[in-house]
Amino acid sequence: MNSELLRANTFHSKETIKLGVIGTGSRGRGCMELIKKLPDQFTITALCDIMDFQLKPALEMCPEAKAYKDYRKLLDDKNVQAVFVATPLFLHYPMASDALKAGKHVYLEKPMTYSIEQAIALVKEAKEHSNQVLQIGYQLPYSPLYKKIAEMIEKGYLGKVTQIHCRFDRNGSWRVPLPDPSLEKIVNWRMYREFFGGITPELLSSKMYFITIAIKTP
């Protein structure tokens, strides 16, 4: 994504937001590359990951950032105003909850939480911390293109919607090579039910935005 498109669809703060990234794996670092294209909007001041082989390349991207192994210590950092959480799903709720309690704004990668109960609890907590922002990372619906599609649906350009078809094609495996077999469940968490919510929250959740709009059409 180019910087012009990013800038056109980014909230513009009156000051540069000091950001801490919790989870510096492939997803976290990929988003860091985009964040770094908006230096007048965001400064990455802190990074956190429990695995050195994930944290090291992130530090090479942002050598000025402070490194943490414990996310709670990052949340104690007064030089962090907001956090970007890109950790495995089962960690989303406790980390986002702790971040709100620590007075931080939160951008939480999708899926929002591991369970419905956690999602309800997190919404309640976000309302209790009304001076802070909690945003869930559904990047596609936030883009200008998808907003335009949603507008077309809402205005009835498609007429009465009688059938909805969604698909997502992926031939790759979620299992990734490990530098140490003891990291199996930490790195390949999507392969284990106790950590992963399944295909519905992981993939279908991205499509539910348009399905919900289409269902509402007259």
N, C-alpha and C. Protein backbone atom coordinates (compact mmCIF):
# COMPACT_ATOMS: atom_id res chain seq x y z
N MET A 1 0.85 -1.18 0.00
CA MET A 1 0.00 0.00 0.00
C MET A 1 0.89 1.24 0.00
N ASN A 2 0.60 2.21 -0.89
CA ASN A 2 1.44 3.39 -0.96
C ASN A 2 1.09 4.39 0.14
N SER A 3 2.01 5.30 0.41
CA SER A 3 1.84 6.24 1.52
C SER A 3 0.68 7.20 1.29
N GLU A 4 0.38 7.53 0.02
CA GLU A 4 -0.71 8.45 -0.27
C GLU A 4 -2.06 7.83 0.12
N LEU A 5 -2.25 6.57 -0.22
CA LEU A 5 -3.50 5.89 0.14
C LEU A 5 -3.59 5.73 1.65
N LEU A 6 -2.48 5.39 2.30
CA LEU A 6 -2.46 5.28 3.75
C LEU A 6 -2.87 6.59 4.39
N ARG A 7 -2.29 7.67 3.91
CA ARG A 7 -2.54 8.98 4.50
C ARG A 7 -3.99 9.41 4.29
N ALA A 8 -4.56 9.06 3.15
CA ALA A 8 -5.94 9.45 2.85
C ALA A 8 -6.94 8.76 3.76
N ASN A 9 -6.55 7.60 4.32
CA ASN A 9 -7.49 6.83 5.12
C ASN A 9 -7.01 6.69 6.56
N THR A 10 -6.23 7.64 7.03
CA THR A 10 -5.69 7.58 8.38
C THR A 10 -6.23 8.73 9.20
N PHE A 11 -6.61 8.42 10.43
CA PHE A 11 -7.02 9.46 11.37
C PHE A 11 -5.83 10.39 11.62
N HIS A 12 -6.05 11.69 11.53
CA HIS A 12 -4.96 12.64 11.70
C HIS A 12 -5.01 13.25 13.09
N SER A 13 -4.06 12.86 13.91
CA SER A 13 -3.96 13.40 15.25
C SER A 13 -3.25 14.74 15.20
N LYS A 14 -3.50 15.58 16.20
CA LYS A 14 -2.82 16.87 16.28
C LYS A 14 -1.37 16.71 16.69
N GLU A 15 -1.03 15.54 17.19
CA GLU A 15 0.33 15.26 17.59
C GLU A 15 0.73 13.87 17.13
N THR A 16 2.01 13.64 17.06
CA THR A 16 2.49 12.32 16.66
C THR A 16 2.23 11.32 17.79
N ILE A 17 1.57 10.22 17.46
CA ILE A 17 1.21 9.22 18.46
C ILE A 17 2.39 8.29 18.71
N LYS A 18 2.74 8.13 19.99
CA LYS A 18 3.82 7.24 20.38
C LYS A 18 3.25 5.83 20.56
N LEU A 19 3.72 4.92 19.74
CA LEU A 19 3.09 3.61 19.61
C LEU A 19 3.99 2.48 20.10
N GLY A 20 3.40 1.55 20.82
CA GLY A 20 4.09 0.33 21.21
C GLY A 20 3.50 -0.85 20.45
N VAL A 21 4.33 -1.70 19.90
CA VAL A 21 3.88 -2.86 19.14
C VAL A 21 4.08 -4.11 20.00
N ILE A 22 2.98 -4.79 20.30
CA ILE A 22 3.03 -6.02 21.09
C ILE A 22 2.81 -7.20 20.15
N GLY A 23 3.84 -7.97 19.92
CA GLY A 23 3.79 -9.05 18.96
C GLY A 23 4.49 -8.63 17.68
N THR A 24 5.76 -9.04 17.54
CA THR A 24 6.55 -8.57 16.39
C THR A 24 6.87 -9.71 15.44
N GLY A 25 5.89 -10.61 15.27
CA GLY A 25 6.04 -11.66 14.28
C GLY A 25 5.81 -11.11 12.88
N SER A 26 5.51 -11.97 11.93
CA SER A 26 5.36 -11.54 10.54
C SER A 26 4.26 -10.49 10.38
N ARG A 27 3.14 -10.68 11.08
CA ARG A 27 2.05 -9.72 10.98
C ARG A 27 2.43 -8.39 11.61
N GLY A 28 2.99 -8.46 12.80
CA GLY A 28 3.39 -7.23 13.47
C GLY A 28 4.39 -6.44 12.67
N ARG A 29 5.40 -7.11 12.13
CA ARG A 29 6.43 -6.41 11.35
C ARG A 29 5.87 -5.89 10.03
N GLY A 30 4.95 -6.66 9.44
CA GLY A 30 4.34 -6.19 8.20
C GLY A 30 3.58 -4.89 8.40
N CYS A 31 2.86 -4.81 9.50
CA CYS A 31 2.13 -3.58 9.81
C CYS A 31 3.07 -2.46 10.22
N MET A 32 4.19 -2.82 10.84
CA MET A 32 5.19 -1.81 11.20
C MET A 32 5.72 -1.11 9.95
N GLU A 33 5.87 -1.85 8.87
CA GLU A 33 6.35 -1.25 7.62
C GLU A 33 5.39 -0.16 7.14
N LEU A 34 4.08 -0.42 7.29
CA LEU A 34 3.08 0.58 6.90
C LEU A 34 3.09 1.76 7.86
N ILE A 35 3.18 1.47 9.15
CA ILE A 35 3.18 2.53 10.16
C ILE A 35 4.35 3.48 9.95
N LYS A 36 5.50 2.93 9.57
CA LYS A 36 6.69 3.75 9.38
C LYS A 36 6.57 4.68 8.16
N LYS A 37 5.58 4.44 7.31
CA LYS A 37 5.36 5.32 6.17
C LYS A 37 4.60 6.59 6.56
N LEU A 38 4.18 6.65 7.81
CA LEU A 38 3.44 7.82 8.31
C LEU A 38 4.17 8.41 9.52
N PRO A 39 5.40 8.86 9.34
CA PRO A 39 6.20 9.32 10.47
C PRO A 39 5.65 10.55 11.17
N ASP A 40 4.83 11.35 10.47
CA ASP A 40 4.24 12.52 11.10
C ASP A 40 3.02 12.15 11.93
N GLN A 41 2.55 10.92 11.79
CA GLN A 41 1.38 10.48 12.54
C GLN A 41 1.75 9.52 13.68
N PHE A 42 2.76 8.67 13.45
CA PHE A 42 3.11 7.65 14.44
C PHE A 42 4.63 7.55 14.62
N THR A 43 5.03 7.32 15.85
CA THR A 43 6.41 6.99 16.17
C THR A 43 6.40 5.71 16.99
N ILE A 44 7.08 4.69 16.52
CA ILE A 44 7.14 3.43 17.25
C ILE A 44 8.22 3.56 18.32
N THR A 45 7.79 3.62 19.56
CA THR A 45 8.71 3.86 20.67
C THR A 45 9.03 2.61 21.49
N ALA A 46 8.23 1.54 21.31
CA ALA A 46 8.46 0.33 22.10
C ALA A 46 8.02 -0.91 21.33
N LEU A 47 8.71 -2.01 21.56
CA LEU A 47 8.42 -3.28 20.91
C LEU A 47 8.42 -4.38 21.97
N CYS A 48 7.56 -5.38 21.77
CA CYS A 48 7.51 -6.47 22.73
C CYS A 48 7.25 -7.80 22.04
N ASP A 49 8.06 -8.77 22.37
CA ASP A 49 7.83 -10.15 21.94
C ASP A 49 8.62 -11.06 22.87
N ILE A 50 8.08 -12.23 23.14
CA ILE A 50 8.77 -13.15 24.06
C ILE A 50 9.84 -13.96 23.36
N MET A 51 9.88 -13.88 22.01
CA MET A 51 10.83 -14.67 21.24
C MET A 51 11.87 -13.77 20.59
N ASP A 52 13.13 -14.06 20.87
CA ASP A 52 14.22 -13.23 20.35
C ASP A 52 14.25 -13.19 18.83
N PHE A 53 13.97 -14.32 18.18
CA PHE A 53 14.07 -14.36 16.72
C PHE A 53 12.97 -13.55 16.06
N GLN A 54 11.92 -13.18 16.80
CA GLN A 54 10.90 -12.28 16.28
C GLN A 54 11.21 -10.83 16.65
N LEU A 55 11.75 -10.64 17.83
CA LEU A 55 12.03 -9.29 18.32
C LEU A 55 13.22 -8.66 17.61
N LYS A 56 14.24 -9.45 17.30
CA LYS A 56 15.47 -8.92 16.71
C LYS A 56 15.22 -8.20 15.38
N PRO A 57 14.51 -8.81 14.40
CA PRO A 57 14.29 -8.10 13.14
C PRO A 57 13.42 -6.85 13.30
N ALA A 58 12.53 -6.87 14.31
CA ALA A 58 11.71 -5.68 14.56
C ALA A 58 12.57 -4.54 15.08
N LEU A 59 13.54 -4.87 15.92
CA LEU A 59 14.46 -3.86 16.44
C LEU A 59 15.36 -3.31 15.33
N GLU A 60 15.66 -4.15 14.35
CA GLU A 60 16.45 -3.67 13.22
C GLU A 60 15.65 -2.66 12.40
N MET A 61 14.32 -2.83 12.38
CA MET A 61 13.46 -1.88 11.69
C MET A 61 13.33 -0.58 12.47
N CYS A 62 13.28 -0.69 13.80
CA CYS A 62 13.11 0.48 14.67
C CYS A 62 14.17 0.43 15.78
N PRO A 63 15.42 0.70 15.46
CA PRO A 63 16.49 0.59 16.45
C PRO A 63 16.36 1.56 17.61
N GLU A 64 15.58 2.62 17.42
CA GLU A 64 15.41 3.60 18.49
C GLU A 64 14.36 3.16 19.52
N ALA A 65 13.59 2.11 19.20
CA ALA A 65 12.52 1.66 20.10
C ALA A 65 13.08 0.87 21.28
N LYS A 66 12.39 0.93 22.39
CA LYS A 66 12.78 0.17 23.57
C LYS A 66 12.19 -1.24 23.47
N ALA A 67 12.96 -2.24 23.84
CA ALA A 67 12.53 -3.64 23.70
C ALA A 67 12.07 -4.21 25.04
N TYR A 68 10.99 -4.99 24.97
CA TYR A 68 10.44 -5.65 26.15
C TYR A 68 10.14 -7.11 25.84
N LYS A 69 10.23 -7.95 26.85
CA LYS A 69 9.79 -9.34 26.75
C LYS A 69 8.42 -9.51 27.41
N ASP A 70 8.11 -8.65 28.38
CA ASP A 70 6.86 -8.70 29.13
C ASP A 70 5.99 -7.52 28.69
N TYR A 71 4.85 -7.80 28.10
CA TYR A 71 4.00 -6.72 27.58
C TYR A 71 3.51 -5.80 28.69
N ARG A 72 3.40 -6.32 29.90
CA ARG A 72 2.93 -5.48 31.01
C ARG A 72 3.93 -4.38 31.34
N LYS A 73 5.21 -4.66 31.13
CA LYS A 73 6.23 -3.62 31.34
C LYS A 73 6.15 -2.57 30.24
N LEU A 74 5.81 -3.01 29.03
CA LEU A 74 5.60 -2.03 27.95
C LEU A 74 4.43 -1.12 28.30
N LEU A 75 3.36 -1.70 28.86
CA LEU A 75 2.19 -0.90 29.23
C LEU A 75 2.51 0.10 30.33
N ASP A 76 3.55 -0.18 31.13
CA ASP A 76 3.97 0.75 32.18
C ASP A 76 4.81 1.89 31.63
N ASP A 77 5.23 1.77 30.38
CA ASP A 77 6.10 2.76 29.76
C ASP A 77 5.31 4.05 29.48
N LYS A 78 5.72 5.13 30.12
CA LYS A 78 5.02 6.41 29.97
C LYS A 78 5.26 7.02 28.59
N ASN A 79 6.19 6.45 27.85
CA ASN A 79 6.49 6.96 26.51
C ASN A 79 5.67 6.24 25.44
N VAL A 80 4.65 5.49 25.87
CA VAL A 80 3.75 4.79 24.95
C VAL A 80 2.33 5.30 25.18
N GLN A 81 1.73 5.84 24.15
CA GLN A 81 0.35 6.34 24.24
C GLN A 81 -0.67 5.33 23.73
N ALA A 82 -0.26 4.53 22.77
CA ALA A 82 -1.18 3.56 22.15
C ALA A 82 -0.42 2.28 21.85
N VAL A 83 -1.15 1.18 21.77
CA VAL A 83 -0.51 -0.10 21.47
C VAL A 83 -1.17 -0.76 20.27
N PHE A 84 -0.35 -1.42 19.50
CA PHE A 84 -0.79 -2.24 18.36
C PHE A 84 -0.57 -3.69 18.78
N VAL A 85 -1.65 -4.44 18.93
CA VAL A 85 -1.57 -5.82 19.42
C VAL A 85 -1.69 -6.79 18.25
N ALA A 86 -0.61 -7.50 17.96
CA ALA A 86 -0.59 -8.47 16.85
C ALA A 86 -0.06 -9.79 17.36
N THR A 87 -0.71 -10.30 18.38
CA THR A 87 -0.31 -11.55 19.02
C THR A 87 -1.29 -12.66 18.68
N PRO A 88 -1.01 -13.92 19.06
CA PRO A 88 -1.96 -14.99 18.83
C PRO A 88 -3.32 -14.70 19.46
N LEU A 89 -4.37 -15.22 18.86
CA LEU A 89 -5.74 -14.91 19.23
C LEU A 89 -6.04 -15.07 20.72
N PHE A 90 -5.55 -16.14 21.33
CA PHE A 90 -5.92 -16.40 22.73
C PHE A 90 -5.36 -15.34 23.69
N LEU A 91 -4.44 -14.51 23.19
CA LEU A 91 -3.86 -13.44 24.01
C LEU A 91 -4.53 -12.08 23.78
N HIS A 92 -5.42 -12.00 22.82
CA HIS A 92 -6.02 -10.72 22.47
C HIS A 92 -6.76 -10.08 23.64
N TYR A 93 -7.64 -10.83 24.25
CA TYR A 93 -8.45 -10.24 25.32
C TYR A 93 -7.62 -9.78 26.51
N PRO A 94 -6.79 -10.62 27.10
CA PRO A 94 -6.05 -10.14 28.28
C PRO A 94 -5.14 -8.95 27.97
N MET A 95 -4.53 -8.95 26.80
CA MET A 95 -3.63 -7.85 26.46
C MET A 95 -4.39 -6.55 26.20
N ALA A 96 -5.48 -6.64 25.46
CA ALA A 96 -6.28 -5.44 25.19
C ALA A 96 -6.90 -4.90 26.47
N SER A 97 -7.39 -5.80 27.31
CA SER A 97 -7.97 -5.40 28.59
C SER A 97 -6.95 -4.70 29.47
N ASP A 98 -5.77 -5.28 29.57
CA ASP A 98 -4.72 -4.67 30.39
C ASP A 98 -4.28 -3.33 29.82
N ALA A 99 -4.27 -3.22 28.49
CA ALA A 99 -3.86 -1.95 27.86
C ALA A 99 -4.86 -0.84 28.17
N LEU A 100 -6.15 -1.16 28.11
CA LEU A 100 -7.17 -0.16 28.45
C LEU A 100 -7.02 0.28 29.90
N LYS A 101 -6.80 -0.68 30.77
CA LYS A 101 -6.65 -0.37 32.19
C LYS A 101 -5.39 0.47 32.44
N ALA A 102 -4.41 0.32 31.55
CA ALA A 102 -3.16 1.08 31.69
C ALA A 102 -3.27 2.47 31.07
N GLY A 103 -4.44 2.80 30.52
CA GLY A 103 -4.65 4.12 29.95
C GLY A 103 -4.18 4.28 28.51
N LYS A 104 -4.00 3.16 27.80
CA LYS A 104 -3.51 3.22 26.42
C LYS A 104 -4.67 3.10 25.42
N HIS A 105 -4.51 3.74 24.27
CA HIS A 105 -5.40 3.47 23.14
C HIS A 105 -4.97 2.11 22.57
N VAL A 106 -5.92 1.40 21.95
CA VAL A 106 -5.63 0.04 21.51
C VAL A 106 -6.09 -0.20 20.08
N TYR A 107 -5.17 -0.67 19.24
CA TYR A 107 -5.53 -1.22 17.93
C TYR A 107 -5.28 -2.71 18.03
N LEU A 108 -6.36 -3.49 18.00
CA LEU A 108 -6.29 -4.93 18.24
C LEU A 108 -6.56 -5.69 16.95
N GLU A 109 -5.61 -6.49 16.54
CA GLU A 109 -5.79 -7.27 15.32
C GLU A 109 -7.00 -8.20 15.43
N LYS A 110 -7.60 -8.47 14.29
CA LYS A 110 -8.73 -9.40 14.26
C LYS A 110 -8.19 -10.84 14.31
N PRO A 111 -9.02 -11.81 14.70
CA PRO A 111 -10.32 -11.66 15.32
C PRO A 111 -10.21 -10.96 16.68
N MET A 112 -11.29 -10.34 17.09
CA MET A 112 -11.26 -9.50 18.29
C MET A 112 -10.85 -10.29 19.52
N THR A 113 -11.52 -11.39 19.78
CA THR A 113 -11.21 -12.21 20.96
C THR A 113 -11.42 -13.69 20.64
N TYR A 114 -10.98 -14.53 21.54
CA TYR A 114 -11.12 -15.97 21.36
C TYR A 114 -12.57 -16.42 21.50
N SER A 115 -13.32 -15.78 22.37
CA SER A 115 -14.70 -16.21 22.64
C SER A 115 -15.66 -15.03 22.60
N ILE A 116 -16.94 -15.34 22.47
CA ILE A 116 -17.98 -14.32 22.49
C ILE A 116 -18.01 -13.64 23.86
N GLU A 117 -17.84 -14.43 24.91
CA GLU A 117 -17.86 -13.88 26.26
C GLU A 117 -16.75 -12.84 26.44
N GLN A 118 -15.58 -13.12 25.89
CA GLN A 118 -14.48 -12.17 25.98
C GLN A 118 -14.79 -10.91 25.19
N ALA A 119 -15.42 -11.07 24.03
CA ALA A 119 -15.77 -9.91 23.20
C ALA A 119 -16.73 -9.00 23.94
N ILE A 120 -17.75 -9.59 24.57
CA ILE A 120 -18.73 -8.80 25.34
C ILE A 120 -18.04 -8.07 26.48
N ALA A 121 -17.14 -8.78 27.16
CA ALA A 121 -16.42 -8.17 28.29
C ALA A 121 -15.55 -7.01 27.82
N LEU A 122 -14.88 -7.19 26.67
CA LEU A 122 -13.98 -6.14 26.18
C LEU A 122 -14.75 -4.90 25.74
N VAL A 123 -15.90 -5.10 25.12
CA VAL A 123 -16.74 -3.95 24.73
C VAL A 123 -17.17 -3.18 25.98
N LYS A 124 -17.54 -3.90 27.02
CA LYS A 124 -17.94 -3.26 28.29
C LYS A 124 -16.77 -2.46 28.86
N GLU A 125 -15.59 -3.04 28.84
CA GLU A 125 -14.42 -2.35 29.38
C GLU A 125 -14.06 -1.12 28.56
N ALA A 126 -14.22 -1.23 27.23
CA ALA A 126 -13.94 -0.08 26.37
C ALA A 126 -14.88 1.08 26.68
N LYS A 127 -16.14 0.77 26.96
CA LYS A 127 -17.11 1.81 27.31
C LYS A 127 -16.77 2.45 28.65
N GLU A 128 -16.19 1.67 29.53
CA GLU A 128 -15.78 2.19 30.84
C GLU A 128 -14.56 3.08 30.73
N HIS A 129 -13.81 2.94 29.64
CA HIS A 129 -12.63 3.77 29.39
C HIS A 129 -12.91 4.63 28.15
N SER A 130 -13.89 5.48 28.26
CA SER A 130 -14.41 6.21 27.11
C SER A 130 -13.43 7.25 26.55
N ASN A 131 -12.41 7.60 27.30
CA ASN A 131 -11.41 8.55 26.79
C ASN A 131 -10.37 7.88 25.90
N GLN A 132 -10.46 6.57 25.79
CA GLN A 132 -9.51 5.82 24.97
C GLN A 132 -10.22 5.20 23.77
N VAL A 133 -9.43 4.92 22.76
CA VAL A 133 -9.95 4.31 21.53
C VAL A 133 -9.60 2.84 21.50
N LEU A 134 -10.58 2.00 21.22
CA LEU A 134 -10.35 0.58 20.94
C LEU A 134 -10.81 0.33 19.52
N GLN A 135 -9.91 -0.06 18.65
CA GLN A 135 -10.25 -0.33 17.26
C GLN A 135 -9.79 -1.73 16.90
N ILE A 136 -10.64 -2.44 16.17
CA ILE A 136 -10.33 -3.82 15.77
C ILE A 136 -9.80 -3.82 14.34
N GLY A 137 -8.75 -4.61 14.10
CA GLY A 137 -8.01 -4.56 12.85
C GLY A 137 -8.63 -5.24 11.65
N TYR A 138 -9.77 -4.76 11.21
CA TYR A 138 -10.34 -5.24 9.94
C TYR A 138 -9.97 -4.25 8.85
N GLN A 139 -8.76 -4.39 8.32
CA GLN A 139 -8.24 -3.39 7.40
C GLN A 139 -9.08 -3.21 6.14
N LEU A 140 -9.59 -4.30 5.57
CA LEU A 140 -10.32 -4.18 4.31
C LEU A 140 -11.55 -3.28 4.41
N PRO A 141 -12.42 -3.48 5.40
CA PRO A 141 -13.58 -2.59 5.49
C PRO A 141 -13.23 -1.13 5.75
N TYR A 142 -11.99 -0.86 6.23
CA TYR A 142 -11.60 0.51 6.49
C TYR A 142 -11.10 1.23 5.23
N SER A 143 -10.85 0.50 4.16
CA SER A 143 -10.28 1.11 2.97
C SER A 143 -11.35 1.89 2.20
N PRO A 144 -10.95 2.94 1.47
CA PRO A 144 -11.91 3.74 0.70
C PRO A 144 -12.72 2.90 -0.29
N LEU A 145 -12.09 1.90 -0.91
CA LEU A 145 -12.78 1.05 -1.88
C LEU A 145 -13.94 0.31 -1.21
N TYR A 146 -13.67 -0.30 -0.08
CA TYR A 146 -14.71 -1.08 0.58
C TYR A 146 -15.79 -0.19 1.19
N LYS A 147 -15.40 1.00 1.61
CA LYS A 147 -16.41 1.94 2.11
C LYS A 147 -17.37 2.33 0.99
N LYS A 148 -16.83 2.48 -0.21
CA LYS A 148 -17.67 2.82 -1.36
C LYS A 148 -18.62 1.69 -1.70
N ILE A 149 -18.12 0.45 -1.63
CA ILE A 149 -18.98 -0.71 -1.89
C ILE A 149 -20.10 -0.76 -0.86
N ALA A 150 -19.75 -0.52 0.42
CA ALA A 150 -20.76 -0.53 1.48
C ALA A 150 -21.82 0.54 1.24
N GLU A 151 -21.36 1.70 0.78
CA GLU A 151 -22.29 2.80 0.48
C GLU A 151 -23.24 2.41 -0.65
N MET A 152 -22.72 1.73 -1.67
CA MET A 152 -23.56 1.30 -2.79
C MET A 152 -24.61 0.31 -2.33
N ILE A 153 -24.22 -0.60 -1.44
CA ILE A 153 -25.18 -1.58 -0.92
C ILE A 153 -26.26 -0.89 -0.12
N GLU A 154 -25.84 0.02 0.78
CA GLU A 154 -26.79 0.71 1.65
C GLU A 154 -27.77 1.57 0.87
N LYS A 155 -27.33 2.13 -0.26
CA LYS A 155 -28.21 2.99 -1.06
C LYS A 155 -29.07 2.21 -2.04
N GLY A 156 -28.95 0.90 -2.00
CA GLY A 156 -29.82 0.07 -2.82
C GLY A 156 -29.41 -0.07 -4.27
N TYR A 157 -28.16 0.23 -4.59
CA TYR A 157 -27.70 0.10 -5.97
C TYR A 157 -27.84 -1.34 -6.48
N LEU A 158 -27.77 -2.28 -5.57
CA LEU A 158 -27.86 -3.69 -5.96
C LEU A 158 -29.29 -4.22 -5.94
N GLY A 159 -30.22 -3.35 -5.54
CA GLY A 159 -31.59 -3.81 -5.41
C GLY A 159 -31.75 -4.65 -4.15
N LYS A 160 -32.74 -5.51 -4.12
CA LYS A 160 -32.96 -6.37 -2.97
C LYS A 160 -31.98 -7.54 -3.02
N VAL A 161 -31.17 -7.68 -2.00
CA VAL A 161 -30.18 -8.76 -1.95
C VAL A 161 -30.89 -10.04 -1.50
N THR A 162 -30.83 -11.06 -2.34
CA THR A 162 -31.50 -12.32 -2.03
C THR A 162 -30.52 -13.47 -1.81
N GLN A 163 -29.28 -13.26 -2.17
CA GLN A 163 -28.28 -14.31 -1.98
C GLN A 163 -26.91 -13.69 -1.79
N ILE A 164 -26.15 -14.23 -0.88
CA ILE A 164 -24.80 -13.75 -0.61
C ILE A 164 -23.83 -14.91 -0.74
N HIS A 165 -22.78 -14.72 -1.53
CA HIS A 165 -21.78 -15.76 -1.72
C HIS A 165 -20.40 -15.20 -1.36
N CYS A 166 -19.74 -15.83 -0.42
CA CYS A 166 -18.40 -15.41 -0.03
C CYS A 166 -17.44 -16.58 -0.20
N ARG A 167 -16.22 -16.27 -0.55
CA ARG A 167 -15.22 -17.33 -0.65
C ARG A 167 -13.85 -16.77 -0.30
N PHE A 168 -13.01 -17.65 0.13
CA PHE A 168 -11.63 -17.27 0.47
C PHE A 168 -10.76 -18.46 0.09
N ASP A 169 -9.89 -18.25 -0.88
CA ASP A 169 -9.04 -19.34 -1.37
C ASP A 169 -7.64 -19.23 -0.77
N ARG A 170 -7.20 -20.29 -0.18
CA ARG A 170 -5.85 -20.31 0.38
C ARG A 170 -5.30 -21.73 0.29
N ASN A 171 -4.16 -21.87 -0.34
CA ASN A 171 -3.56 -23.19 -0.51
C ASN A 171 -2.38 -23.44 0.43
N GLY A 172 -1.92 -22.38 1.09
CA GLY A 172 -0.76 -22.53 1.98
C GLY A 172 -1.13 -23.10 3.33
N SER A 173 -0.13 -23.46 4.07
CA SER A 173 -0.32 -24.01 5.42
C SER A 173 -0.03 -22.94 6.46
N TRP A 174 -0.77 -22.99 7.57
CA TRP A 174 -0.51 -22.08 8.68
C TRP A 174 0.70 -22.55 9.51
N ARG A 175 1.11 -23.77 9.31
CA ARG A 175 2.26 -24.27 10.07
C ARG A 175 3.55 -23.68 9.48
N VAL A 176 4.39 -23.16 10.35
CA VAL A 176 5.65 -22.55 9.90
C VAL A 176 6.83 -23.27 10.54
N PRO A 177 8.00 -23.22 9.89
CA PRO A 177 9.19 -23.87 10.45
C PRO A 177 9.59 -23.25 11.78
N LEU A 178 10.19 -24.07 12.63
CA LEU A 178 10.55 -23.62 13.97
C LEU A 178 12.06 -23.64 14.18
N PRO A 179 12.58 -22.63 14.86
CA PRO A 179 14.00 -22.67 15.22
C PRO A 179 14.26 -23.61 16.38
N ASP A 180 13.16 -23.93 17.12
CA ASP A 180 13.25 -24.79 18.31
C ASP A 180 11.92 -25.52 18.46
N PRO A 181 11.92 -26.86 18.49
CA PRO A 181 10.67 -27.63 18.61
C PRO A 181 9.84 -27.27 19.84
N SER A 182 10.47 -26.75 20.88
CA SER A 182 9.73 -26.41 22.09
C SER A 182 8.78 -25.23 21.87
N LEU A 183 8.95 -24.52 20.75
CA LEU A 183 8.11 -23.36 20.44
C LEU A 183 6.89 -23.73 19.61
N GLU A 184 6.67 -25.01 19.41
CA GLU A 184 5.60 -25.48 18.52
C GLU A 184 4.26 -24.81 18.80
N LYS A 185 3.76 -24.88 20.01
CA LYS A 185 2.43 -24.34 20.29
C LYS A 185 2.41 -22.82 20.33
N ILE A 186 3.54 -22.22 20.64
CA ILE A 186 3.59 -20.76 20.68
C ILE A 186 3.56 -20.18 19.26
N VAL A 187 4.34 -20.78 18.37
CA VAL A 187 4.43 -20.28 17.00
C VAL A 187 3.28 -20.79 16.13
N ASN A 188 3.00 -22.08 16.22
CA ASN A 188 1.95 -22.68 15.39
C ASN A 188 0.63 -22.80 16.16
N TRP A 189 0.28 -21.74 16.83
CA TRP A 189 -0.91 -21.76 17.68
C TRP A 189 -2.21 -22.01 16.90
N ARG A 190 -2.22 -21.65 15.62
CA ARG A 190 -3.43 -21.89 14.82
C ARG A 190 -3.72 -23.38 14.61
N MET A 191 -2.78 -24.22 14.92
CA MET A 191 -2.98 -25.65 14.74
C MET A 191 -3.62 -26.32 15.96
N TYR A 192 -3.93 -25.52 16.99
CA TYR A 192 -4.43 -26.09 18.24
C TYR A 192 -5.70 -25.38 18.69
N ARG A 193 -6.73 -26.18 18.94
CA ARG A 193 -8.04 -25.65 19.24
C ARG A 193 -8.07 -24.77 20.48
N GLU A 194 -7.25 -25.08 21.48
CA GLU A 194 -7.28 -24.28 22.70
C GLU A 194 -6.76 -22.86 22.50
N PHE A 195 -6.11 -22.62 21.36
CA PHE A 195 -5.57 -21.29 21.08
C PHE A 195 -6.24 -20.61 19.89
N PHE A 196 -6.89 -21.39 19.04
CA PHE A 196 -7.40 -20.90 17.75
C PHE A 196 -8.90 -21.06 17.68
N GLY A 197 -9.59 -20.05 17.16
CA GLY A 197 -11.04 -20.09 17.09
C GLY A 197 -11.59 -20.78 15.86
N GLY A 198 -10.73 -21.14 14.92
CA GLY A 198 -11.20 -21.82 13.71
C GLY A 198 -11.33 -20.88 12.53
N ILE A 199 -11.81 -21.43 11.42
CA ILE A 199 -11.91 -20.70 10.16
C ILE A 199 -12.92 -19.55 10.22
N THR A 200 -14.03 -19.76 10.94
CA THR A 200 -15.09 -18.74 10.96
C THR A 200 -14.60 -17.39 11.49
N PRO A 201 -14.03 -17.32 12.69
CA PRO A 201 -13.54 -16.01 13.14
C PRO A 201 -12.32 -15.53 12.38
N GLU A 202 -11.50 -16.45 11.92
CA GLU A 202 -10.25 -16.05 11.26
C GLU A 202 -10.48 -15.45 9.87
N LEU A 203 -11.38 -16.06 9.09
CA LEU A 203 -11.58 -15.62 7.71
C LEU A 203 -12.97 -15.05 7.44
N LEU A 204 -14.01 -15.74 7.90
CA LEU A 204 -15.36 -15.26 7.61
C LEU A 204 -15.64 -13.92 8.28
N SER A 205 -14.97 -13.67 9.40
CA SER A 205 -15.22 -12.42 10.13
C SER A 205 -14.93 -11.20 9.25
N SER A 206 -14.00 -11.33 8.33
CA SER A 206 -13.69 -10.21 7.42
C SER A 206 -14.83 -9.94 6.47
N LYS A 207 -15.62 -10.95 6.16
CA LYS A 207 -16.72 -10.80 5.20
C LYS A 207 -18.02 -10.39 5.86
N MET A 208 -18.14 -10.57 7.18
CA MET A 208 -19.40 -10.32 7.87
C MET A 208 -19.81 -8.85 7.78
N TYR A 209 -18.85 -7.96 7.59
CA TYR A 209 -19.16 -6.53 7.47
C TYR A 209 -20.15 -6.30 6.33
N PHE A 210 -19.87 -6.87 5.17
CA PHE A 210 -20.74 -6.67 4.01
C PHE A 210 -22.00 -7.53 4.09
N ILE A 211 -21.87 -8.71 4.67
CA ILE A 211 -23.05 -9.56 4.82
C ILE A 211 -24.08 -8.86 5.70
N THR A 212 -23.62 -8.23 6.78
CA THR A 212 -24.53 -7.52 7.68
C THR A 212 -25.22 -6.37 6.97
N ILE A 213 -24.46 -5.60 6.16
CA ILE A 213 -25.05 -4.49 5.41
C ILE A 213 -26.06 -4.99 4.40
N ALA A 214 -25.69 -6.08 3.70
CA ALA A 214 -26.59 -6.61 2.66
C ALA A 214 -27.89 -7.12 3.25
N ILE A 215 -27.82 -7.75 4.41
CA ILE A 215 -29.02 -8.28 5.05
C ILE A 215 -29.99 -7.16 5.42
N LYS A 216 -29.44 -5.98 5.73
CA LYS A 216 -30.26 -4.85 6.14
C LYS A 216 -30.97 -4.15 4.97
N THR A 217 -30.54 -4.46 3.73
CA THR A 217 -31.13 -3.76 2.59
C THR A 217 -32.59 -4.18 2.42
N PRO A 218 -33.45 -3.23 1.99
CA PRO A 218 -34.88 -3.53 1.85
C PRO A 218 -35.17 -4.49 0.72
